[in-house]
């Protein structure tokens, strides 16, 4: 079943990228990635399903001019890219919000003409640089978040402690090509982090879930 799911997601990603201006933020779910991902296996799978469904439905909406990237993390969905009008932006948000499993939508779509291909390539390179910088930092775990860069704006999604969030934000802000950092991270306590690790290692050790904080913060780069 896992192999079938991976194949389906990969195929969907290839078809959408070739035929429609909607991209999946994280299409494939590999065994190694799931093993080290801070999310549960169920959350990783659900996020992949949400990204695929959202991308398909947005492509079917036939917006006049758009390029939309969908990124999901524990049911929270980020929309980045460009659309032709405010109505299209609102419609895109409503489409994604209606998908089963979506808990919130961060609609960061810009109403403007599609950016040049070179800009997208630069964004992809910048995102890789951010990931590399975080990978080099021993105080954070790269698998605890997703990095999306759109027109130089770095969006950070994940589940981290406040200390990790501060470090991640500071590291990302120093990467060449990043003009602004937007944090969309769920903040948990160190105790909650340890509890989640324990549950992942031993699913039967489920205890009452502690409260968490979820919020968005924008950090301009001077």
N, C-alpha and C. Protein backbone atom coordinates (compact mmCIF):
# COMPACT_ATOMS: atom_id res chain seq x y z
N UNK A 1 0.83 -1.21 0.00
CA UNK A 1 0.00 0.00 0.00
C UNK A 1 0.86 1.26 0.00
N UNK A 2 1.97 1.25 0.76
CA UNK A 2 2.84 2.42 0.80
C UNK A 2 3.45 2.69 -0.57
N UNK A 3 3.89 1.61 -1.25
CA UNK A 3 4.50 1.80 -2.57
C UNK A 3 3.49 2.37 -3.55
N UNK A 4 2.25 1.92 -3.46
CA UNK A 4 1.21 2.41 -4.36
C UNK A 4 0.95 3.88 -4.11
N UNK A 5 0.91 4.28 -2.85
CA UNK A 5 0.66 5.67 -2.49
C UNK A 5 1.76 6.57 -3.02
N UNK A 6 3.00 6.16 -2.85
CA UNK A 6 4.13 6.95 -3.32
C UNK A 6 4.07 7.10 -4.83
N UNK A 7 3.78 6.02 -5.54
CA UNK A 7 3.73 6.06 -6.99
C UNK A 7 2.62 6.98 -7.46
N UNK A 8 1.47 6.92 -6.80
CA UNK A 8 0.34 7.77 -7.18
C UNK A 8 0.68 9.23 -6.99
N UNK A 9 1.28 9.58 -5.86
CA UNK A 9 1.63 10.97 -5.58
C UNK A 9 2.67 11.48 -6.56
N UNK A 10 3.66 10.67 -6.86
CA UNK A 10 4.69 11.08 -7.80
C UNK A 10 4.10 11.31 -9.18
N UNK A 11 3.22 10.43 -9.59
CA UNK A 11 2.58 10.58 -10.90
C UNK A 11 1.75 11.84 -10.95
N UNK A 12 0.99 12.11 -9.88
CA UNK A 12 0.17 13.31 -9.84
C UNK A 12 1.03 14.55 -9.95
N UNK A 13 2.17 14.55 -9.25
CA UNK A 13 3.06 15.70 -9.28
C UNK A 13 3.59 15.95 -10.68
N UNK A 14 3.99 14.89 -11.37
CA UNK A 14 4.53 15.05 -12.71
C UNK A 14 3.48 15.56 -13.68
N UNK A 15 2.27 15.02 -13.59
CA UNK A 15 1.21 15.43 -14.50
C UNK A 15 0.84 16.88 -14.27
N UNK A 16 0.70 17.28 -13.02
CA UNK A 16 0.29 18.65 -12.72
C UNK A 16 1.36 19.64 -13.13
N UNK A 17 2.62 19.30 -12.90
CA UNK A 17 3.69 20.21 -13.25
C UNK A 17 3.76 20.41 -14.76
N UNK A 18 3.43 19.37 -15.52
CA UNK A 18 3.54 19.46 -16.96
C UNK A 18 2.32 20.11 -17.60
N UNK A 19 1.14 19.93 -17.01
CA UNK A 19 -0.10 20.32 -17.68
C UNK A 19 -0.82 21.49 -17.03
N UNK A 20 -0.50 21.81 -15.79
CA UNK A 20 -1.24 22.87 -15.12
C UNK A 20 -0.32 23.66 -14.21
N UNK A 21 -0.60 24.97 -14.02
CA UNK A 21 0.28 25.82 -13.21
C UNK A 21 0.04 25.67 -11.73
N UNK A 22 -0.03 24.45 -11.24
CA UNK A 22 -0.20 24.19 -9.81
C UNK A 22 0.85 23.18 -9.39
N UNK A 23 1.62 23.50 -8.36
CA UNK A 23 2.70 22.62 -7.93
C UNK A 23 2.45 22.10 -6.53
N UNK A 24 2.90 20.87 -6.29
CA UNK A 24 2.76 20.24 -4.98
C UNK A 24 4.01 20.50 -4.17
N UNK A 25 3.83 20.97 -2.93
CA UNK A 25 4.97 21.30 -2.10
C UNK A 25 5.76 20.09 -1.66
N UNK A 26 5.10 18.97 -1.42
CA UNK A 26 5.80 17.77 -0.97
C UNK A 26 4.99 16.57 -1.39
N UNK A 27 5.24 16.07 -2.58
CA UNK A 27 4.36 15.05 -3.14
C UNK A 27 4.65 13.65 -2.65
N UNK A 28 5.91 13.27 -2.58
CA UNK A 28 6.24 11.88 -2.29
C UNK A 28 6.50 11.66 -0.81
N UNK A 29 6.15 10.49 -0.32
CA UNK A 29 6.40 10.12 1.06
C UNK A 29 7.31 8.91 1.07
N UNK A 30 8.57 9.10 1.38
CA UNK A 30 9.52 8.00 1.38
C UNK A 30 9.66 7.41 2.76
N UNK A 31 10.06 6.14 2.84
CA UNK A 31 10.18 5.47 4.12
C UNK A 31 11.18 6.12 5.04
N UNK A 32 12.34 6.51 4.49
CA UNK A 32 13.38 7.15 5.31
C UNK A 32 12.91 8.49 5.83
N UNK A 33 12.26 9.28 4.95
CA UNK A 33 11.78 10.60 5.35
C UNK A 33 10.77 10.50 6.48
N UNK A 34 9.86 9.54 6.38
CA UNK A 34 8.85 9.36 7.42
C UNK A 34 9.49 8.96 8.74
N UNK A 35 10.53 8.16 8.67
CA UNK A 35 11.17 7.67 9.88
C UNK A 35 11.76 8.80 10.71
N UNK A 36 12.29 9.84 10.06
CA UNK A 36 12.93 10.93 10.79
C UNK A 36 12.05 12.17 10.88
N UNK A 37 10.93 12.19 10.17
CA UNK A 37 10.03 13.34 10.20
C UNK A 37 9.41 13.47 11.58
N UNK A 38 9.29 14.70 12.05
CA UNK A 38 8.72 14.93 13.38
C UNK A 38 7.22 14.66 13.41
N UNK A 39 6.58 14.68 12.25
CA UNK A 39 5.15 14.36 12.18
C UNK A 39 4.94 12.85 12.29
N UNK A 40 3.73 12.47 12.64
CA UNK A 40 3.40 11.05 12.65
C UNK A 40 3.28 10.55 11.22
N UNK A 41 3.33 9.23 11.04
CA UNK A 41 3.18 8.65 9.71
C UNK A 41 1.84 9.06 9.12
N UNK A 42 0.81 9.07 9.96
CA UNK A 42 -0.52 9.46 9.50
C UNK A 42 -0.56 10.89 9.01
N UNK A 43 0.10 11.80 9.75
CA UNK A 43 0.12 13.21 9.35
C UNK A 43 0.89 13.41 8.05
N UNK A 44 2.01 12.70 7.91
CA UNK A 44 2.79 12.80 6.67
C UNK A 44 1.95 12.36 5.48
N UNK A 45 1.26 11.24 5.65
CA UNK A 45 0.40 10.72 4.57
C UNK A 45 -0.74 11.68 4.27
N UNK A 46 -1.40 12.17 5.32
CA UNK A 46 -2.52 13.09 5.13
C UNK A 46 -2.09 14.38 4.45
N UNK A 47 -0.93 14.90 4.82
CA UNK A 47 -0.43 16.12 4.18
C UNK A 47 -0.19 15.90 2.69
N UNK A 48 0.34 14.73 2.35
CA UNK A 48 0.56 14.42 0.94
C UNK A 48 -0.75 14.34 0.18
N UNK A 49 -1.76 13.74 0.81
CA UNK A 49 -3.08 13.64 0.18
C UNK A 49 -3.69 15.02 0.01
N UNK A 50 -3.57 15.87 1.03
CA UNK A 50 -4.11 17.23 0.96
C UNK A 50 -3.44 18.01 -0.18
N UNK A 51 -2.12 17.92 -0.28
CA UNK A 51 -1.41 18.64 -1.33
C UNK A 51 -1.85 18.18 -2.71
N UNK A 52 -2.02 16.88 -2.87
CA UNK A 52 -2.44 16.35 -4.17
C UNK A 52 -3.86 16.78 -4.51
N UNK A 53 -4.79 16.62 -3.55
CA UNK A 53 -6.18 17.02 -3.79
C UNK A 53 -6.28 18.51 -4.09
N UNK A 54 -5.58 19.33 -3.31
CA UNK A 54 -5.63 20.78 -3.51
C UNK A 54 -5.10 21.15 -4.88
N UNK A 55 -4.00 20.54 -5.27
CA UNK A 55 -3.39 20.86 -6.56
C UNK A 55 -4.31 20.48 -7.72
N UNK A 56 -4.95 19.32 -7.61
CA UNK A 56 -5.87 18.87 -8.66
C UNK A 56 -7.08 19.80 -8.75
N UNK A 57 -7.67 20.12 -7.60
CA UNK A 57 -8.86 20.97 -7.61
C UNK A 57 -8.56 22.39 -8.06
N UNK A 58 -7.40 22.90 -7.72
CA UNK A 58 -7.02 24.24 -8.16
C UNK A 58 -6.77 24.26 -9.67
N UNK A 59 -6.18 23.19 -10.18
CA UNK A 59 -5.96 23.09 -11.63
C UNK A 59 -7.28 23.03 -12.37
N UNK A 60 -8.26 22.34 -11.79
CA UNK A 60 -9.57 22.20 -12.42
C UNK A 60 -10.39 23.49 -12.35
N UNK A 61 -9.98 24.42 -11.49
CA UNK A 61 -10.71 25.69 -11.35
C UNK A 61 -10.52 26.58 -12.57
N UNK A 62 -9.49 26.29 -13.38
CA UNK A 62 -9.25 27.02 -14.63
C UNK A 62 -9.14 28.53 -14.42
N UNK A 63 -8.28 28.93 -13.48
CA UNK A 63 -8.03 30.35 -13.30
C UNK A 63 -7.39 30.90 -14.58
N UNK A 64 -7.72 32.13 -14.93
CA UNK A 64 -7.26 32.71 -16.20
C UNK A 64 -5.73 32.76 -16.29
N UNK A 65 -5.09 33.14 -15.21
CA UNK A 65 -3.63 33.21 -15.21
C UNK A 65 -3.15 32.98 -13.78
N UNK A 66 -2.46 31.88 -13.57
CA UNK A 66 -2.04 31.59 -12.20
C UNK A 66 -0.87 30.62 -12.16
N UNK A 67 -0.17 30.67 -11.06
CA UNK A 67 0.89 29.70 -10.76
C UNK A 67 0.85 29.53 -9.25
N UNK A 68 0.36 28.38 -8.80
CA UNK A 68 0.11 28.18 -7.37
C UNK A 68 0.91 26.99 -6.84
N UNK A 69 1.57 27.20 -5.72
CA UNK A 69 2.27 26.12 -5.03
C UNK A 69 1.54 25.80 -3.73
N UNK A 70 1.29 24.52 -3.49
CA UNK A 70 0.57 24.07 -2.30
C UNK A 70 1.52 23.34 -1.37
N UNK A 71 1.60 23.79 -0.13
CA UNK A 71 2.45 23.14 0.87
C UNK A 71 1.62 22.87 2.13
N UNK A 72 1.62 21.63 2.60
CA UNK A 72 0.83 21.27 3.78
C UNK A 72 1.72 20.71 4.88
N UNK A 73 1.39 21.06 6.11
CA UNK A 73 2.11 20.53 7.27
C UNK A 73 1.11 20.36 8.41
N UNK A 74 0.85 19.11 8.77
CA UNK A 74 -0.10 18.76 9.83
C UNK A 74 -1.46 19.44 9.62
N UNK A 75 -1.92 19.44 8.37
CA UNK A 75 -3.23 19.98 8.06
C UNK A 75 -3.26 21.47 7.80
N UNK A 76 -2.18 22.16 8.09
CA UNK A 76 -2.09 23.59 7.81
C UNK A 76 -1.54 23.75 6.39
N UNK A 77 -2.21 24.56 5.58
CA UNK A 77 -1.85 24.65 4.16
C UNK A 77 -1.40 26.07 3.81
N UNK A 78 -0.30 26.14 3.09
CA UNK A 78 0.24 27.41 2.61
C UNK A 78 0.06 27.47 1.09
N UNK A 79 -0.50 28.58 0.62
CA UNK A 79 -0.63 28.82 -0.82
C UNK A 79 0.28 29.98 -1.21
N UNK A 80 1.19 29.72 -2.14
CA UNK A 80 2.07 30.77 -2.63
C UNK A 80 2.03 30.79 -4.15
N UNK A 81 2.47 31.90 -4.73
CA UNK A 81 2.46 32.02 -6.18
C UNK A 81 1.68 33.24 -6.61
N UNK A 82 1.14 33.19 -7.83
CA UNK A 82 0.44 34.34 -8.38
C UNK A 82 -0.91 33.94 -8.97
N UNK A 83 -1.87 34.84 -8.85
CA UNK A 83 -3.18 34.68 -9.50
C UNK A 83 -3.54 36.00 -10.16
N UNK A 84 -4.55 35.95 -11.06
CA UNK A 84 -4.87 37.12 -11.85
C UNK A 84 -5.77 38.15 -11.20
N UNK A 85 -6.47 37.76 -10.11
CA UNK A 85 -7.40 38.71 -9.49
C UNK A 85 -7.63 38.36 -8.03
N UNK A 86 -8.21 39.32 -7.30
CA UNK A 86 -8.55 39.09 -5.90
C UNK A 86 -9.61 37.99 -5.78
N UNK A 87 -10.52 37.96 -6.75
CA UNK A 87 -11.56 36.91 -6.74
C UNK A 87 -10.93 35.53 -6.87
N UNK A 88 -9.93 35.40 -7.74
CA UNK A 88 -9.26 34.11 -7.91
C UNK A 88 -8.51 33.73 -6.63
N UNK A 89 -7.90 34.71 -5.99
CA UNK A 89 -7.19 34.44 -4.73
C UNK A 89 -8.15 33.93 -3.67
N UNK A 90 -9.29 34.60 -3.55
CA UNK A 90 -10.29 34.19 -2.56
C UNK A 90 -10.85 32.81 -2.89
N UNK A 91 -11.11 32.58 -4.18
CA UNK A 91 -11.66 31.29 -4.60
C UNK A 91 -10.67 30.16 -4.32
N UNK A 92 -9.40 30.41 -4.58
CA UNK A 92 -8.37 29.39 -4.33
C UNK A 92 -8.34 29.03 -2.85
N UNK A 93 -8.44 30.03 -2.00
CA UNK A 93 -8.45 29.78 -0.56
C UNK A 93 -9.65 28.96 -0.13
N UNK A 94 -10.81 29.27 -0.69
CA UNK A 94 -12.03 28.55 -0.34
C UNK A 94 -11.97 27.10 -0.82
N UNK A 95 -11.40 26.88 -1.99
CA UNK A 95 -11.28 25.52 -2.52
C UNK A 95 -10.45 24.66 -1.57
N UNK A 96 -9.32 25.19 -1.15
CA UNK A 96 -8.43 24.43 -0.28
C UNK A 96 -9.04 24.25 1.11
N UNK A 97 -9.71 25.28 1.59
CA UNK A 97 -10.32 25.21 2.93
C UNK A 97 -11.38 24.12 3.02
N UNK A 98 -12.01 23.79 1.89
CA UNK A 98 -13.10 22.81 1.89
C UNK A 98 -12.60 21.36 1.85
N UNK A 99 -11.30 21.17 1.68
CA UNK A 99 -10.74 19.82 1.57
C UNK A 99 -10.67 19.16 2.95
N UNK A 100 -11.09 17.92 3.03
CA UNK A 100 -11.08 17.19 4.28
C UNK A 100 -9.67 17.09 4.86
N UNK A 101 -9.54 17.42 6.14
CA UNK A 101 -8.24 17.33 6.80
C UNK A 101 -7.52 18.66 6.91
N UNK A 102 -7.97 19.67 6.17
CA UNK A 102 -7.35 20.99 6.24
C UNK A 102 -7.87 21.73 7.47
N UNK A 103 -6.96 22.16 8.32
CA UNK A 103 -7.35 22.86 9.55
C UNK A 103 -7.24 24.37 9.43
N UNK A 104 -6.34 24.84 8.57
CA UNK A 104 -6.19 26.28 8.36
C UNK A 104 -5.48 26.52 7.03
N UNK A 105 -5.71 27.70 6.46
CA UNK A 105 -5.10 28.05 5.17
C UNK A 105 -4.40 29.39 5.30
N UNK A 106 -3.12 29.42 4.94
CA UNK A 106 -2.37 30.66 4.86
C UNK A 106 -2.32 31.05 3.39
N UNK A 107 -3.17 32.00 3.01
CA UNK A 107 -3.29 32.38 1.60
C UNK A 107 -2.33 33.53 1.31
N UNK A 108 -1.14 33.19 0.82
CA UNK A 108 -0.11 34.18 0.51
C UNK A 108 0.00 34.43 -0.99
N UNK A 109 -1.05 34.11 -1.73
CA UNK A 109 -1.04 34.32 -3.17
C UNK A 109 -0.96 35.82 -3.48
N UNK A 110 -0.16 36.16 -4.47
CA UNK A 110 -0.03 37.56 -4.89
C UNK A 110 -0.88 37.78 -6.14
N UNK A 111 -1.60 38.89 -6.16
CA UNK A 111 -2.39 39.24 -7.35
C UNK A 111 -1.48 40.03 -8.28
N UNK A 112 -0.96 39.34 -9.27
CA UNK A 112 0.01 39.95 -10.19
C UNK A 112 0.26 39.01 -11.36
N UNK A 113 0.97 39.50 -12.36
CA UNK A 113 1.35 38.64 -13.47
C UNK A 113 2.32 37.57 -12.99
N UNK A 114 2.31 36.43 -13.65
CA UNK A 114 3.23 35.36 -13.28
C UNK A 114 4.67 35.84 -13.39
N UNK A 115 5.47 35.49 -12.39
CA UNK A 115 6.87 35.91 -12.41
C UNK A 115 7.64 35.10 -13.44
N UNK A 116 8.77 35.62 -13.93
CA UNK A 116 9.57 34.90 -14.93
C UNK A 116 10.11 33.58 -14.38
N UNK A 117 10.42 32.68 -15.29
CA UNK A 117 10.96 31.38 -14.92
C UNK A 117 12.26 31.53 -14.13
N UNK A 118 13.05 32.54 -14.49
CA UNK A 118 14.32 32.75 -13.79
C UNK A 118 14.10 33.08 -12.31
N UNK A 119 13.01 33.78 -12.02
CA UNK A 119 12.69 34.10 -10.62
C UNK A 119 12.36 32.84 -9.85
N UNK A 120 11.63 31.93 -10.48
CA UNK A 120 11.30 30.66 -9.82
C UNK A 120 12.56 29.84 -9.57
N UNK A 121 13.46 29.86 -10.54
CA UNK A 121 14.71 29.12 -10.38
C UNK A 121 15.53 29.70 -9.22
N UNK A 122 15.56 31.03 -9.14
CA UNK A 122 16.28 31.68 -8.04
C UNK A 122 15.65 31.35 -6.69
N UNK A 123 14.31 31.31 -6.66
CA UNK A 123 13.61 30.94 -5.42
C UNK A 123 13.95 29.51 -5.01
N UNK A 124 13.99 28.62 -5.99
CA UNK A 124 14.32 27.23 -5.70
C UNK A 124 15.73 27.11 -5.15
N UNK A 125 16.64 27.87 -5.74
CA UNK A 125 18.03 27.86 -5.27
C UNK A 125 18.13 28.43 -3.86
N UNK A 126 17.39 29.51 -3.61
CA UNK A 126 17.40 30.12 -2.28
C UNK A 126 16.84 29.16 -1.24
N UNK A 127 15.76 28.45 -1.58
CA UNK A 127 15.18 27.47 -0.65
C UNK A 127 16.20 26.39 -0.32
N UNK A 128 16.95 25.95 -1.33
CA UNK A 128 17.98 24.94 -1.10
C UNK A 128 19.07 25.47 -0.17
N UNK A 129 19.40 26.74 -0.33
CA UNK A 129 20.41 27.36 0.54
C UNK A 129 19.92 27.45 1.98
N UNK A 130 18.64 27.77 2.14
CA UNK A 130 18.07 27.84 3.49
C UNK A 130 18.12 26.46 4.15
N UNK A 131 17.72 25.43 3.40
CA UNK A 131 17.75 24.07 3.95
C UNK A 131 19.17 23.65 4.30
N UNK A 132 20.12 24.00 3.44
CA UNK A 132 21.52 23.65 3.69
C UNK A 132 22.04 24.35 4.94
N UNK A 133 21.66 25.62 5.11
CA UNK A 133 22.10 26.38 6.29
C UNK A 133 21.51 25.77 7.56
N UNK A 134 20.26 25.35 7.49
CA UNK A 134 19.62 24.73 8.66
C UNK A 134 20.22 23.36 8.94
N UNK A 135 20.57 22.64 7.87
CA UNK A 135 21.16 21.32 8.03
C UNK A 135 22.52 21.41 8.73
N UNK A 136 23.23 22.51 8.49
CA UNK A 136 24.54 22.71 9.09
C UNK A 136 24.45 23.13 10.55
N UNK A 137 23.26 23.53 10.99
CA UNK A 137 23.08 23.99 12.37
C UNK A 137 22.68 22.81 13.25
N UNK A 138 23.50 22.50 14.23
CA UNK A 138 23.27 21.32 15.08
C UNK A 138 22.15 21.54 16.11
N UNK A 139 21.68 22.78 16.24
CA UNK A 139 20.66 23.07 17.25
C UNK A 139 19.24 22.91 16.74
N UNK A 140 19.09 22.62 15.44
CA UNK A 140 17.75 22.44 14.88
C UNK A 140 17.71 21.16 14.05
N UNK A 141 16.49 20.67 13.83
CA UNK A 141 16.28 19.47 13.03
C UNK A 141 15.54 19.85 11.76
N UNK A 142 16.20 19.70 10.61
CA UNK A 142 15.60 20.13 9.35
C UNK A 142 14.30 19.39 9.07
N UNK A 143 14.19 18.13 9.52
CA UNK A 143 12.98 17.35 9.25
C UNK A 143 11.79 17.82 10.07
N UNK A 144 11.98 18.83 10.91
CA UNK A 144 10.87 19.34 11.71
C UNK A 144 10.12 20.46 10.99
N UNK A 145 10.52 20.79 9.76
CA UNK A 145 9.85 21.88 9.07
C UNK A 145 9.95 21.75 7.56
N UNK A 146 9.15 22.59 6.87
CA UNK A 146 9.21 22.70 5.42
C UNK A 146 9.58 24.14 5.08
N UNK A 147 10.37 24.29 4.02
CA UNK A 147 10.83 25.60 3.58
C UNK A 147 10.30 25.88 2.18
N UNK A 148 9.60 27.00 2.02
CA UNK A 148 9.12 27.42 0.71
C UNK A 148 9.58 28.86 0.48
N UNK A 149 10.14 29.13 -0.68
CA UNK A 149 10.57 30.49 -1.01
C UNK A 149 9.81 30.96 -2.25
N UNK A 150 9.20 32.13 -2.14
CA UNK A 150 8.42 32.70 -3.25
C UNK A 150 8.77 34.17 -3.38
N UNK A 151 9.35 34.54 -4.51
CA UNK A 151 9.80 35.91 -4.76
C UNK A 151 10.71 36.43 -3.65
N UNK A 152 11.57 35.54 -3.15
CA UNK A 152 12.54 35.91 -2.13
C UNK A 152 12.01 35.85 -0.71
N UNK A 153 10.71 35.60 -0.55
CA UNK A 153 10.11 35.50 0.78
C UNK A 153 10.20 34.05 1.24
N UNK A 154 10.84 33.82 2.37
CA UNK A 154 11.01 32.46 2.90
C UNK A 154 9.89 32.16 3.89
N UNK A 155 9.11 31.13 3.59
CA UNK A 155 8.02 30.68 4.47
C UNK A 155 8.49 29.42 5.19
N UNK A 156 8.37 29.42 6.50
CA UNK A 156 8.83 28.30 7.31
C UNK A 156 7.66 27.68 8.04
N UNK A 157 7.39 26.40 7.75
CA UNK A 157 6.30 25.67 8.39
C UNK A 157 6.86 24.49 9.16
N UNK A 158 6.31 24.23 10.33
CA UNK A 158 6.77 23.09 11.09
C UNK A 158 6.25 23.09 12.51
N UNK A 159 6.73 22.15 13.29
CA UNK A 159 6.39 22.04 14.70
C UNK A 159 7.69 22.04 15.49
N UNK A 160 7.92 23.11 16.23
CA UNK A 160 9.22 23.30 16.89
C UNK A 160 9.03 23.94 18.26
N UNK A 161 10.10 23.92 19.05
CA UNK A 161 10.09 24.64 20.32
C UNK A 161 10.39 26.11 20.03
N UNK A 162 10.14 26.97 21.00
CA UNK A 162 10.41 28.39 20.81
C UNK A 162 11.89 28.64 20.53
N UNK A 163 12.74 27.92 21.23
CA UNK A 163 14.19 28.07 21.00
C UNK A 163 14.55 27.69 19.57
N UNK A 164 14.00 26.58 19.09
CA UNK A 164 14.26 26.17 17.71
C UNK A 164 13.73 27.20 16.72
N UNK A 165 12.54 27.73 16.99
CA UNK A 165 11.94 28.72 16.09
C UNK A 165 12.82 29.96 15.97
N UNK A 166 13.36 30.41 17.09
CA UNK A 166 14.23 31.59 17.07
C UNK A 166 15.49 31.34 16.25
N UNK A 167 16.07 30.16 16.43
CA UNK A 167 17.29 29.81 15.69
C UNK A 167 17.00 29.68 14.20
N UNK A 168 15.93 28.97 13.87
CA UNK A 168 15.55 28.74 12.47
C UNK A 168 15.31 30.07 11.76
N UNK A 169 14.59 30.97 12.41
CA UNK A 169 14.29 32.27 11.82
C UNK A 169 15.56 33.08 11.58
N UNK A 170 16.45 33.07 12.57
CA UNK A 170 17.69 33.83 12.46
C UNK A 170 18.58 33.28 11.35
N UNK A 171 18.65 31.96 11.25
CA UNK A 171 19.47 31.33 10.21
C UNK A 171 18.92 31.65 8.82
N UNK A 172 17.61 31.51 8.65
CA UNK A 172 16.98 31.76 7.35
C UNK A 172 17.16 33.21 6.92
N UNK A 173 17.08 34.13 7.87
CA UNK A 173 17.16 35.55 7.54
C UNK A 173 18.53 35.95 7.00
N UNK A 174 19.55 35.17 7.31
CA UNK A 174 20.91 35.50 6.88
C UNK A 174 21.28 34.90 5.53
N UNK A 175 20.41 34.07 4.97
CA UNK A 175 20.71 33.40 3.70
C UNK A 175 20.59 34.40 2.54
N UNK A 176 21.60 34.50 1.69
CA UNK A 176 21.53 35.39 0.53
C UNK A 176 20.34 35.06 -0.36
N UNK A 177 19.61 36.08 -0.76
CA UNK A 177 18.43 35.87 -1.59
C UNK A 177 17.13 35.96 -0.83
N UNK A 178 17.19 35.84 0.50
CA UNK A 178 15.99 35.95 1.33
C UNK A 178 15.74 37.42 1.65
N UNK A 179 14.58 37.93 1.25
CA UNK A 179 14.25 39.33 1.50
C UNK A 179 13.33 39.50 2.71
N UNK A 180 12.64 38.42 3.07
CA UNK A 180 11.74 38.45 4.23
C UNK A 180 11.50 37.03 4.70
N UNK A 181 11.30 36.86 6.00
CA UNK A 181 11.00 35.55 6.57
C UNK A 181 9.61 35.57 7.19
N UNK A 182 8.78 34.62 6.80
CA UNK A 182 7.44 34.48 7.38
C UNK A 182 7.38 33.14 8.09
N UNK A 183 7.18 33.17 9.40
CA UNK A 183 7.15 31.93 10.18
C UNK A 183 5.72 31.47 10.38
N UNK A 184 5.46 30.24 10.02
CA UNK A 184 4.14 29.62 10.16
C UNK A 184 4.30 28.35 10.99
N UNK A 185 5.02 28.47 12.09
CA UNK A 185 5.39 27.30 12.87
C UNK A 185 4.51 27.13 14.11
N UNK A 186 4.23 25.88 14.42
CA UNK A 186 3.50 25.53 15.64
C UNK A 186 4.53 25.42 16.76
N UNK A 187 4.34 26.20 17.81
CA UNK A 187 5.29 26.22 18.92
C UNK A 187 4.83 25.26 20.02
N UNK A 188 5.71 24.33 20.38
CA UNK A 188 5.40 23.38 21.44
C UNK A 188 6.49 23.47 22.52
N UNK A 189 6.18 22.98 23.69
CA UNK A 189 7.15 22.99 24.78
C UNK A 189 8.15 21.85 24.59
N UNK A 190 9.32 21.94 25.21
CA UNK A 190 10.28 20.82 25.15
C UNK A 190 9.67 19.52 25.67
N UNK A 191 8.79 19.64 26.68
CA UNK A 191 8.14 18.46 27.23
C UNK A 191 7.21 17.81 26.21
N UNK A 192 6.48 18.65 25.47
CA UNK A 192 5.59 18.13 24.43
C UNK A 192 6.40 17.48 23.32
N UNK A 193 7.54 18.05 23.00
CA UNK A 193 8.41 17.48 21.98
C UNK A 193 8.86 16.08 22.38
N UNK A 194 9.27 15.93 23.63
CA UNK A 194 9.69 14.62 24.12
C UNK A 194 8.53 13.64 24.12
N UNK A 195 7.34 14.13 24.47
CA UNK A 195 6.15 13.27 24.47
C UNK A 195 5.86 12.75 23.07
N UNK A 196 5.99 13.63 22.08
CA UNK A 196 5.74 13.22 20.70
C UNK A 196 6.77 12.19 20.23
N UNK A 197 8.01 12.40 20.63
CA UNK A 197 9.05 11.43 20.27
C UNK A 197 8.74 10.06 20.86
N UNK A 198 8.28 10.07 22.11
CA UNK A 198 7.95 8.82 22.79
C UNK A 198 6.80 8.11 22.09
N UNK A 199 5.78 8.88 21.70
CA UNK A 199 4.62 8.29 21.02
C UNK A 199 5.02 7.72 19.67
N UNK A 200 5.93 8.42 18.97
CA UNK A 200 6.35 7.93 17.66
C UNK A 200 7.12 6.62 17.80
N UNK A 201 7.92 6.52 18.87
CA UNK A 201 8.67 5.29 19.10
C UNK A 201 7.77 4.19 19.64
N UNK A 202 6.74 4.60 20.41
CA UNK A 202 5.83 3.63 21.01
C UNK A 202 4.41 4.19 20.95
N UNK A 203 3.69 3.98 19.84
CA UNK A 203 2.36 4.56 19.64
C UNK A 203 1.36 4.25 20.75
N UNK A 204 1.57 3.19 21.50
CA UNK A 204 0.63 2.83 22.56
C UNK A 204 0.78 3.74 23.77
N UNK A 205 1.88 4.50 23.81
CA UNK A 205 2.12 5.38 24.96
C UNK A 205 1.48 6.74 24.75
N UNK A 206 0.19 6.76 24.45
CA UNK A 206 -0.52 8.00 24.17
C UNK A 206 -1.05 8.59 25.46
N UNK A 207 -0.72 9.86 25.70
CA UNK A 207 -1.23 10.57 26.87
C UNK A 207 -1.96 11.80 26.39
N UNK A 208 -2.56 12.50 27.30
CA UNK A 208 -3.32 13.70 26.94
C UNK A 208 -2.42 14.73 26.28
N UNK A 209 -2.87 15.31 25.18
CA UNK A 209 -2.06 16.26 24.43
C UNK A 209 -2.03 17.61 25.13
N UNK A 210 -0.85 18.21 25.19
CA UNK A 210 -0.71 19.51 25.81
C UNK A 210 -1.05 20.60 24.81
N UNK A 211 -1.24 21.82 25.33
CA UNK A 211 -1.60 22.93 24.46
C UNK A 211 -0.40 23.38 23.65
N UNK A 212 -0.68 23.86 22.45
CA UNK A 212 0.37 24.39 21.59
C UNK A 212 -0.08 25.74 21.07
N UNK A 213 0.88 26.49 20.53
CA UNK A 213 0.58 27.79 19.96
C UNK A 213 0.88 27.73 18.47
N UNK A 214 -0.05 28.21 17.67
CA UNK A 214 0.17 28.28 16.23
C UNK A 214 -0.04 29.70 15.78
N UNK A 215 0.94 30.24 15.08
CA UNK A 215 0.79 31.62 14.65
C UNK A 215 1.71 31.95 13.51
N UNK A 216 1.46 33.10 12.89
CA UNK A 216 2.29 33.56 11.79
C UNK A 216 3.01 34.83 12.21
N UNK A 217 4.26 34.92 11.86
CA UNK A 217 5.04 36.10 12.16
C UNK A 217 5.89 36.43 10.96
N UNK A 218 5.96 37.72 10.63
CA UNK A 218 6.75 38.16 9.49
C UNK A 218 7.96 38.93 9.97
N UNK A 219 9.13 38.54 9.48
CA UNK A 219 10.37 39.19 9.88
C UNK A 219 11.01 39.81 8.65
N UNK A 220 11.00 41.14 8.52
CA UNK A 220 11.63 41.78 7.36
C UNK A 220 13.15 41.68 7.45
N UNK A 221 13.82 41.65 6.32
CA UNK A 221 15.28 41.59 6.28
C UNK A 221 15.80 42.98 5.95
N UNK A 222 16.57 43.54 6.86
CA UNK A 222 17.09 44.89 6.64
C UNK A 222 18.28 44.87 5.68
